[in-house]
Amino acid sequence: MWLILFGFIAYVLIFALAAGSWQKRKLNLGGRALRSGMTGHEVARRILEDNGVEVVPVRRAREPELARFEVGRRRLALGSDIHDGTNLFAVLSAAHAAVQALPGTVAEPAGRWRRSVVSFGHTGAGAIIMTLIVVAIFRPIVWRLVLPAWLLLGVLLLLGHLSSLSWEYRLADRAVAELRRLGVIGISEEDDCAALAKALPLRDIRGVGESVRRFLGALLPFKGWR
């Protein structure tokens, strides 16, 4: 049990450091207003059109900070903060999502794996933990399994993210290149954009606690849960 406990603490620290690094750069750099004045959805549409992709619509999502290419539905989902945002965080997140929809990128194995970890891995981890908790209410002995299962699922999620991290960094670099090519960012803004892009792949690295929250949010239709 001591080994499991220390492992759990280490696991929490790793996810906390990843989230802290992203949040720090987002707060320090992401709020900077860009001179171009383009919104996130305008940037996404421009990138798609300039690369010959005209059949991918851009929709407004419920989650304020969501920026994702939905492969099955062939569309970009941008939350309100990104869809209408004109700051560095909004346009870089929108560009990153748009780059995922470009020809050749969608079919890459690393991209498919990353989407599976974010979409199915997080939801599945939350479902397993919630199932164990519900069963433990009636069978208290099951409580012994909750912490080891939490740790094991957290390690699997972390390994899943790490296995596709190089792919995510490459996409972040391409997103910066697209913003530079289209003139969305100026010379004075390139350094801040590149610095924020280095932390962008850490945005989706979230632990089992976030998976449980997302699972509950899917079951309980309250605004702000998703």
C-alpha atoms as a PDB file:
ATOM      1  CA  MET A   1       0.000   0.000   0.000  1.00  0.00           C
ATOM      2  CA  TRP A   2       2.892   2.395   0.709  1.00  0.00           C
ATOM      3  CA  LEU A   3       4.268   1.744  -2.763  1.00  0.00           C
ATOM      4  CA  ILE A   4       0.864   2.439  -4.294  1.00  0.00           C
ATOM      5  CA  LEU A   5       0.503   5.594  -2.210  1.00  0.00           C
ATOM      6  CA  PHE A   6       3.898   6.994  -3.242  1.00  0.00           C
ATOM      7  CA  GLY A   7       3.164   6.072  -6.845  1.00  0.00           C
ATOM      8  CA  PHE A   8      -0.139   7.890  -6.638  1.00  0.00           C
ATOM      9  CA  ILE A   9       1.557  11.020  -5.257  1.00  0.00           C
ATOM     10  CA  ALA A  10       4.153  10.938  -8.049  1.00  0.00           C
ATOM     11  CA  TYR A  11       1.402  10.484 -10.621  1.00  0.00           C
ATOM     12  CA  VAL A  12      -0.511  13.499  -9.265  1.00  0.00           C
ATOM     13  CA  LEU A  13       2.631  15.649  -9.345  1.00  0.00           C
ATOM     14  CA  ILE A  14       3.366  14.765 -12.976  1.00  0.00           C
ATOM     15  CA  PHE A  15      -0.116  15.736 -14.125  1.00  0.00           C
ATOM     16  CA  ALA A  16      -0.027  18.844 -11.930  1.00  0.00           C
ATOM     17  CA  LEU A  17       3.300  19.963 -13.446  1.00  0.00           C
ATOM     18  CA  ALA A  18       1.985  19.478 -16.995  1.00  0.00           C
ATOM     19  CA  ALA A  19      -1.203  21.412 -16.244  1.00  0.00           C
ATOM     20  CA  GLY A  20       0.725  24.107 -14.374  1.00  0.00           C
ATOM     21  CA  SER A  21       3.169  24.627 -17.251  1.00  0.00           C
ATOM     22  CA  TRP A  22       0.315  25.064 -19.719  1.00  0.00           C
ATOM     23  CA  GLN A  23      -1.728  27.355 -17.476  1.00  0.00           C
ATOM     24  CA  LYS A  24       1.284  29.540 -16.673  1.00  0.00           C
ATOM     25  CA  ARG A  25       2.125  30.177 -20.317  1.00  0.00           C
ATOM     26  CA  LYS A  26      -1.523  30.598 -21.228  1.00  0.00           C
ATOM     27  CA  LEU A  27      -2.017  33.288 -18.578  1.00  0.00           C
ATOM     28  CA  ASN A  28       1.281  35.060 -19.267  1.00  0.00           C
ATOM     29  CA  LEU A  29       1.216  34.939 -23.063  1.00  0.00           C
ATOM     30  CA  GLY A  30      -2.173  33.710 -24.260  1.00  0.00           C
ATOM     31  CA  GLY A  31      -4.111  36.843 -23.337  1.00  0.00           C
ATOM     32  CA  ARG A  32      -2.054  39.074 -25.607  1.00  0.00           C
ATOM     33  CA  ALA A  33      -4.257  40.737 -28.233  1.00  0.00           C
ATOM     34  CA  LEU A  34      -2.931  40.320 -31.776  1.00  0.00           C
ATOM     35  CA  ARG A  35      -2.543  43.244 -34.126  1.00  0.00           C
ATOM     36  CA  SER A  36      -4.272  41.414 -36.967  1.00  0.00           C
ATOM     37  CA  GLY A  37      -7.552  41.372 -35.012  1.00  0.00           C
ATOM     38  CA  MET A  38      -8.602  38.065 -36.602  1.00  0.00           C
ATOM     39  CA  THR A  39     -10.806  35.766 -34.553  1.00  0.00           C
ATOM     40  CA  GLY A  40     -10.172  32.082 -33.975  1.00  0.00           C
ATOM     41  CA  HIS A  41     -12.813  30.883 -36.429  1.00  0.00           C
ATOM     42  CA  GLU A  42     -11.560  33.296 -39.111  1.00  0.00           C
ATOM     43  CA  VAL A  43      -8.036  31.968 -38.707  1.00  0.00           C
ATOM     44  CA  ALA A  44      -9.219  28.348 -38.868  1.00  0.00           C
ATOM     45  CA  ARG A  45     -11.242  28.965 -42.031  1.00  0.00           C
ATOM     46  CA  ARG A  46      -8.359  30.825 -43.647  1.00  0.00           C
ATOM     47  CA  ILE A  47      -5.918  27.980 -42.974  1.00  0.00           C
ATOM     48  CA  LEU A  48      -8.347  25.405 -44.343  1.00  0.00           C
ATOM     49  CA  GLU A  49      -9.120  27.416 -47.494  1.00  0.00           C
ATOM     50  CA  ASP A  50      -5.474  28.226 -48.210  1.00  0.00           C
ATOM     51  CA  ASN A  51      -4.646  24.521 -48.023  1.00  0.00           C
ATOM     52  CA  GLY A  52      -7.481  23.499 -50.326  1.00  0.00           C
ATOM     53  CA  VAL A  53      -9.828  22.153 -47.641  1.00  0.00           C
ATOM     54  CA  GLU A  54     -13.265  23.669 -48.175  1.00  0.00           C
ATOM     55  CA  VAL A  55     -15.568  20.907 -46.947  1.00  0.00           C
ATOM     56  CA  VAL A  56     -14.746  21.129 -43.236  1.00  0.00           C
ATOM     57  CA  PRO A  57     -17.201  23.417 -41.397  1.00  0.00           C
ATOM     58  CA  VAL A  58     -16.314  25.277 -38.202  1.00  0.00           C
ATOM     59  CA  ARG A  59     -18.896  25.035 -35.412  1.00  0.00           C
ATOM     60  CA  ARG A  60     -19.232  26.688 -32.014  1.00  0.00           C
ATOM     61  CA  ALA A  61     -18.832  24.138 -29.198  1.00  0.00           C
ATOM     62  CA  ARG A  62     -20.241  24.170 -25.666  1.00  0.00           C
ATOM     63  CA  GLU A  63     -16.876  23.959 -23.924  1.00  0.00           C
ATOM     64  CA  PRO A  64     -15.404  27.495 -23.892  1.00  0.00           C
ATOM     65  CA  GLU A  65     -11.786  26.428 -24.460  1.00  0.00           C
ATOM     66  CA  LEU A  66     -12.336  23.448 -26.756  1.00  0.00           C
ATOM     67  CA  ALA A  67     -10.412  23.346 -30.041  1.00  0.00           C
ATOM     68  CA  ARG A  68     -10.666  19.993 -31.793  1.00  0.00           C
ATOM     69  CA  PHE A  69     -11.025  18.453 -35.207  1.00  0.00           C
ATOM     70  CA  GLU A  70     -13.843  15.904 -35.053  1.00  0.00           C
ATOM     71  CA  VAL A  71     -12.742  13.277 -37.537  1.00  0.00           C
ATOM     72  CA  GLY A  72     -16.001  11.297 -37.629  1.00  0.00           C
ATOM     73  CA  ARG A  73     -18.093  14.398 -38.348  1.00  0.00           C
ATOM     74  CA  ARG A  74     -15.446  16.110 -40.491  1.00  0.00           C
ATOM     75  CA  ARG A  75     -15.706  19.468 -38.737  1.00  0.00           C
ATOM     76  CA  LEU A  76     -13.808  21.764 -36.395  1.00  0.00           C
ATOM     77  CA  ALA A  77     -15.262  22.352 -32.939  1.00  0.00           C
ATOM     78  CA  LEU A  78     -14.206  25.648 -31.359  1.00  0.00           C
ATOM     79  CA  GLY A  79     -15.420  26.824 -27.962  1.00  0.00           C
ATOM     80  CA  SER A  80     -16.686  30.375 -27.510  1.00  0.00           C
ATOM     81  CA  ASP A  81     -13.385  31.637 -26.051  1.00  0.00           C
ATOM     82  CA  ILE A  82     -11.557  30.413 -29.143  1.00  0.00           C
ATOM     83  CA  HIS A  83     -14.260  30.843 -31.782  1.00  0.00           C
ATOM     84  CA  ASP A  84     -14.646  34.575 -31.099  1.00  0.00           C
ATOM     85  CA  GLY A  85     -11.299  35.250 -29.405  1.00  0.00           C
ATOM     86  CA  THR A  86      -8.705  37.567 -30.936  1.00  0.00           C
ATOM     87  CA  ASN A  87      -5.862  36.848 -28.528  1.00  0.00           C
ATOM     88  CA  LEU A  88      -2.843  34.606 -28.970  1.00  0.00           C
ATOM     89  CA  PHE A  89      -4.401  31.676 -27.097  1.00  0.00           C
ATOM     90  CA  ALA A  90      -7.512  31.713 -29.288  1.00  0.00           C
ATOM     91  CA  VAL A  91      -5.845  31.971 -32.678  1.00  0.00           C
ATOM     92  CA  LEU A  92      -3.076  29.469 -31.886  1.00  0.00           C
ATOM     93  CA  SER A  93      -5.587  26.920 -30.557  1.00  0.00           C
ATOM     94  CA  ALA A  94      -7.784  27.423 -33.630  1.00  0.00           C
ATOM     95  CA  ALA A  95      -4.783  27.079 -35.935  1.00  0.00           C
ATOM     96  CA  HIS A  96      -3.683  23.908 -34.143  1.00  0.00           C
ATOM     97  CA  ALA A  97      -7.146  22.381 -34.638  1.00  0.00           C
ATOM     98  CA  ALA A  98      -7.243  23.445 -38.299  1.00  0.00           C
ATOM     99  CA  VAL A  99      -3.837  21.918 -39.004  1.00  0.00           C
ATOM    100  CA  GLN A 100      -5.172  18.573 -37.769  1.00  0.00           C
ATOM    101  CA  ALA A 101      -7.746  18.657 -40.592  1.00  0.00           C
ATOM    102  CA  LEU A 102      -5.232  19.212 -43.389  1.00  0.00           C
ATOM    103  CA  PRO A 103      -4.580  16.476 -45.972  1.00  0.00           C
ATOM    104  CA  GLY A 104      -2.114  13.877 -44.779  1.00  0.00           C
ATOM    105  CA  THR A 105      -2.371  14.839 -41.119  1.00  0.00           C
ATOM    106  CA  VAL A 106      -5.722  13.181 -40.447  1.00  0.00           C
ATOM    107  CA  ALA A 107      -4.536   9.710 -41.447  1.00  0.00           C
ATOM    108  CA  GLU A 108      -1.308   9.732 -39.445  1.00  0.00           C
ATOM    109  CA  PRO A 109      -1.227   6.858 -36.884  1.00  0.00           C
ATOM    110  CA  ALA A 110       0.082   9.115 -34.104  1.00  0.00           C
ATOM    111  CA  GLY A 111      -2.855  11.450 -34.643  1.00  0.00           C
ATOM    112  CA  ARG A 112      -5.388   8.640 -34.493  1.00  0.00           C
ATOM    113  CA  TRP A 113      -3.793   7.342 -31.308  1.00  0.00           C
ATOM    114  CA  ARG A 114      -3.795  10.785 -29.693  1.00  0.00           C
ATOM    115  CA  ARG A 115      -7.476  11.300 -30.527  1.00  0.00           C
ATOM    116  CA  SER A 116      -8.299   7.883 -29.065  1.00  0.00           C
ATOM    117  CA  VAL A 117      -6.508   8.740 -25.814  1.00  0.00           C
ATOM    118  CA  VAL A 118      -8.235  12.123 -25.487  1.00  0.00           C
ATOM    119  CA  SER A 119     -11.720  10.986 -26.560  1.00  0.00           C
ATOM    120  CA  PHE A 120     -12.063   7.373 -25.455  1.00  0.00           C
ATOM    121  CA  GLY A 121      -9.234   6.974 -22.945  1.00  0.00           C
ATOM    122  CA  HIS A 122     -10.348   9.829 -20.702  1.00  0.00           C
ATOM    123  CA  THR A 123     -14.011   8.891 -20.853  1.00  0.00           C
ATOM    124  CA  GLY A 124     -13.270   5.191 -20.308  1.00  0.00           C
ATOM    125  CA  ALA A 125     -11.065   5.882 -17.293  1.00  0.00           C
ATOM    126  CA  GLY A 126     -13.803   7.983 -15.718  1.00  0.00           C
ATOM    127  CA  ALA A 127     -16.406   5.304 -16.394  1.00  0.00           C
ATOM    128  CA  ILE A 128     -14.280   2.571 -14.787  1.00  0.00           C
ATOM    129  CA  ILE A 129     -13.580   4.590 -11.640  1.00  0.00           C
ATOM    130  CA  MET A 130     -17.209   5.650 -11.241  1.00  0.00           C
ATOM    131  CA  THR A 131     -18.325   2.041 -11.684  1.00  0.00           C
ATOM    132  CA  LEU A 132     -15.930   0.911  -8.952  1.00  0.00           C
ATOM    133  CA  ILE A 133     -17.170   3.651  -6.616  1.00  0.00           C
ATOM    134  CA  VAL A 134     -20.816   2.728  -7.176  1.00  0.00           C
ATOM    135  CA  VAL A 135     -20.104  -0.967  -6.607  1.00  0.00           C
ATOM    136  CA  ALA A 136     -18.074  -0.115  -3.473  1.00  0.00           C
ATOM    137  CA  ILE A 137     -21.121   1.541  -1.934  1.00  0.00           C
ATOM    138  CA  PHE A 138     -22.761  -1.871  -1.789  1.00  0.00           C
ATOM    139  CA  ARG A 139     -19.562  -3.935  -1.502  1.00  0.00           C
ATOM    140  CA  PRO A 140     -17.146  -1.992   0.744  1.00  0.00           C
ATOM    141  CA  ILE A 141     -14.297  -4.393   0.019  1.00  0.00           C
ATOM    142  CA  VAL A 142     -14.151  -2.930  -3.506  1.00  0.00           C
ATOM    143  CA  TRP A 143     -12.839   0.335  -2.028  1.00  0.00           C
ATOM    144  CA  ARG A 144      -9.438  -1.368  -1.916  1.00  0.00           C
ATOM    145  CA  LEU A 145      -9.413  -1.445  -5.706  1.00  0.00           C
ATOM    146  CA  VAL A 146     -10.209   2.221  -6.293  1.00  0.00           C
ATOM    147  CA  LEU A 147      -6.761   3.676  -5.547  1.00  0.00           C
ATOM    148  CA  PRO A 148      -4.743   1.018  -7.469  1.00  0.00           C
ATOM    149  CA  ALA A 149      -7.162   1.298 -10.418  1.00  0.00           C
ATOM    150  CA  TRP A 150      -6.895   5.088 -10.328  1.00  0.00           C
ATOM    151  CA  LEU A 151      -3.101   4.872 -10.402  1.00  0.00           C
ATOM    152  CA  LEU A 152      -2.997   2.242 -13.153  1.00  0.00           C
ATOM    153  CA  LEU A 153      -5.405   4.155 -15.401  1.00  0.00           C
ATOM    154  CA  GLY A 154      -3.489   7.363 -14.767  1.00  0.00           C
ATOM    155  CA  VAL A 155      -0.221   5.743 -15.822  1.00  0.00           C
ATOM    156  CA  LEU A 156      -1.863   4.360 -18.973  1.00  0.00           C
ATOM    157  CA  LEU A 157      -3.244   7.803 -19.844  1.00  0.00           C
ATOM    158  CA  LEU A 158       0.161   9.374 -19.282  1.00  0.00           C
ATOM    159  CA  LEU A 159       1.888   6.787 -21.475  1.00  0.00           C
ATOM    160  CA  GLY A 160      -0.759   7.335 -24.136  1.00  0.00           C
ATOM    161  CA  HIS A 161      -0.045  11.063 -24.205  1.00  0.00           C
ATOM    162  CA  LEU A 162       3.728  10.644 -24.137  1.00  0.00           C
ATOM    163  CA  SER A 163       3.616   8.250 -27.095  1.00  0.00           C
ATOM    164  CA  SER A 164       2.085  10.967 -29.306  1.00  0.00           C
ATOM    165  CA  LEU A 165       3.769  14.019 -27.785  1.00  0.00           C
ATOM    166  CA  SER A 166       6.299  14.448 -30.610  1.00  0.00           C
ATOM    167  CA  TRP A 167       3.438  14.445 -33.125  1.00  0.00           C
ATOM    168  CA  GLU A 168       1.608  17.118 -31.137  1.00  0.00           C
ATOM    169  CA  TYR A 169       4.715  19.309 -30.974  1.00  0.00           C
ATOM    170  CA  ARG A 170       5.131  18.990 -34.736  1.00  0.00           C
ATOM    171  CA  LEU A 171       1.540  20.104 -35.240  1.00  0.00           C
ATOM    172  CA  ALA A 172       2.059  23.047 -32.888  1.00  0.00           C
ATOM    173  CA  ASP A 173       5.100  24.126 -34.905  1.00  0.00           C
ATOM    174  CA  ARG A 174       3.112  23.848 -38.120  1.00  0.00           C
ATOM    175  CA  ALA A 175       0.304  25.929 -36.607  1.00  0.00           C
ATOM    176  CA  VAL A 176       2.821  28.701 -35.806  1.00  0.00           C
ATOM    177  CA  ALA A 177       4.195  28.460 -39.356  1.00  0.00           C
ATOM    178  CA  GLU A 178       0.692  28.838 -40.797  1.00  0.00           C
ATOM    179  CA  LEU A 179      -0.005  31.890 -38.630  1.00  0.00           C
ATOM    180  CA  ARG A 180       3.268  33.418 -39.757  1.00  0.00           C
ATOM    181  CA  ARG A 181       2.646  32.634 -43.430  1.00  0.00           C
ATOM    182  CA  LEU A 182      -0.847  34.151 -43.375  1.00  0.00           C
ATOM    183  CA  GLY A 183       0.316  37.273 -41.586  1.00  0.00           C
ATOM    184  CA  VAL A 184      -1.869  36.645 -38.532  1.00  0.00           C
ATOM    185  CA  ILE A 185       1.113  37.234 -36.246  1.00  0.00           C
ATOM    186  CA  GLY A 186       3.723  39.928 -36.707  1.00  0.00           C
ATOM    187  CA  ILE A 187       7.475  39.732 -36.198  1.00  0.00           C
ATOM    188  CA  SER A 188       7.154  41.114 -32.671  1.00  0.00           C
ATOM    189  CA  GLU A 189       4.582  38.442 -31.821  1.00  0.00           C
ATOM    190  CA  GLU A 190       6.431  35.404 -33.159  1.00  0.00           C
ATOM    191  CA  ASP A 191       8.498  34.745 -30.029  1.00  0.00           C
ATOM    192  CA  ASP A 192       5.443  34.763 -27.742  1.00  0.00           C
ATOM    193  CA  CYS A 193       3.560  32.528 -30.169  1.00  0.00           C
ATOM    194  CA  ALA A 194       6.442  30.036 -30.339  1.00  0.00           C
ATOM    195  CA  ALA A 195       6.749  30.000 -26.538  1.00  0.00           C
ATOM    196  CA  LEU A 196       3.022  29.314 -26.110  1.00  0.00           C
ATOM    197  CA  ALA A 197       3.178  26.598 -28.778  1.00  0.00           C
ATOM    198  CA  LYS A 198       5.775  24.723 -26.718  1.00  0.00           C
ATOM    199  CA  ALA A 199       3.201  24.287 -23.942  1.00  0.00           C
ATOM    200  CA  LEU A 200       0.155  23.747 -26.186  1.00  0.00           C
ATOM    201  CA  PRO A 201       0.601  19.932 -26.429  1.00  0.00           C
ATOM    202  CA  LEU A 202       0.403  19.758 -22.613  1.00  0.00           C
ATOM    203  CA  ARG A 203      -3.149  21.131 -22.638  1.00  0.00           C
ATOM    204  CA  ASP A 204      -4.849  17.739 -23.004  1.00  0.00           C
ATOM    205  CA  ILE A 205      -2.621  15.872 -20.541  1.00  0.00           C
ATOM    206  CA  ARG A 206      -5.141  15.388 -17.759  1.00  0.00           C
ATOM    207  CA  GLY A 207      -5.455  12.795 -15.055  1.00  0.00           C
ATOM    208  CA  VAL A 208      -8.192  10.416 -13.983  1.00  0.00           C
ATOM    209  CA  GLY A 209      -9.809  13.093 -11.814  1.00  0.00           C
ATOM    210  CA  GLU A 210     -10.544  15.100 -14.955  1.00  0.00           C
ATOM    211  CA  SER A 211     -11.815  11.914 -16.614  1.00  0.00           C
ATOM    212  CA  VAL A 212     -14.295  11.379 -13.780  1.00  0.00           C
ATOM    213  CA  ARG A 213     -15.438  14.988 -14.087  1.00  0.00           C
ATOM    214  CA  ARG A 214     -15.943  14.645 -17.841  1.00  0.00           C
ATOM    215  CA  PHE A 215     -17.825  11.375 -17.390  1.00  0.00           C
ATOM    216  CA  LEU A 216     -20.175  12.970 -14.852  1.00  0.00           C
ATOM    217  CA  GLY A 217     -20.545  15.987 -17.099  1.00  0.00           C
ATOM    218  CA  ALA A 218     -21.745  13.723 -19.911  1.00  0.00           C
ATOM    219  CA  LEU A 219     -24.376  12.202 -17.605  1.00  0.00           C
ATOM    220  CA  LEU A 220     -25.556  15.376 -15.885  1.00  0.00           C
ATOM    221  CA  PRO A 221     -26.653  18.049 -18.381  1.00  0.00           C
ATOM    222  CA  PHE A 222     -25.681  21.069 -16.288  1.00  0.00           C
ATOM    223  CA  LYS A 223     -24.128  24.074 -17.988  1.00  0.00           C
ATOM    224  CA  GLY A 224     -20.422  24.359 -17.340  1.00  0.00           C
ATOM    225  CA  TRP A 225     -19.825  20.665 -16.554  1.00  0.00           C
ATOM    226  CA  ARG A 226     -18.563  19.853 -20.050  1.00  0.00           C
END
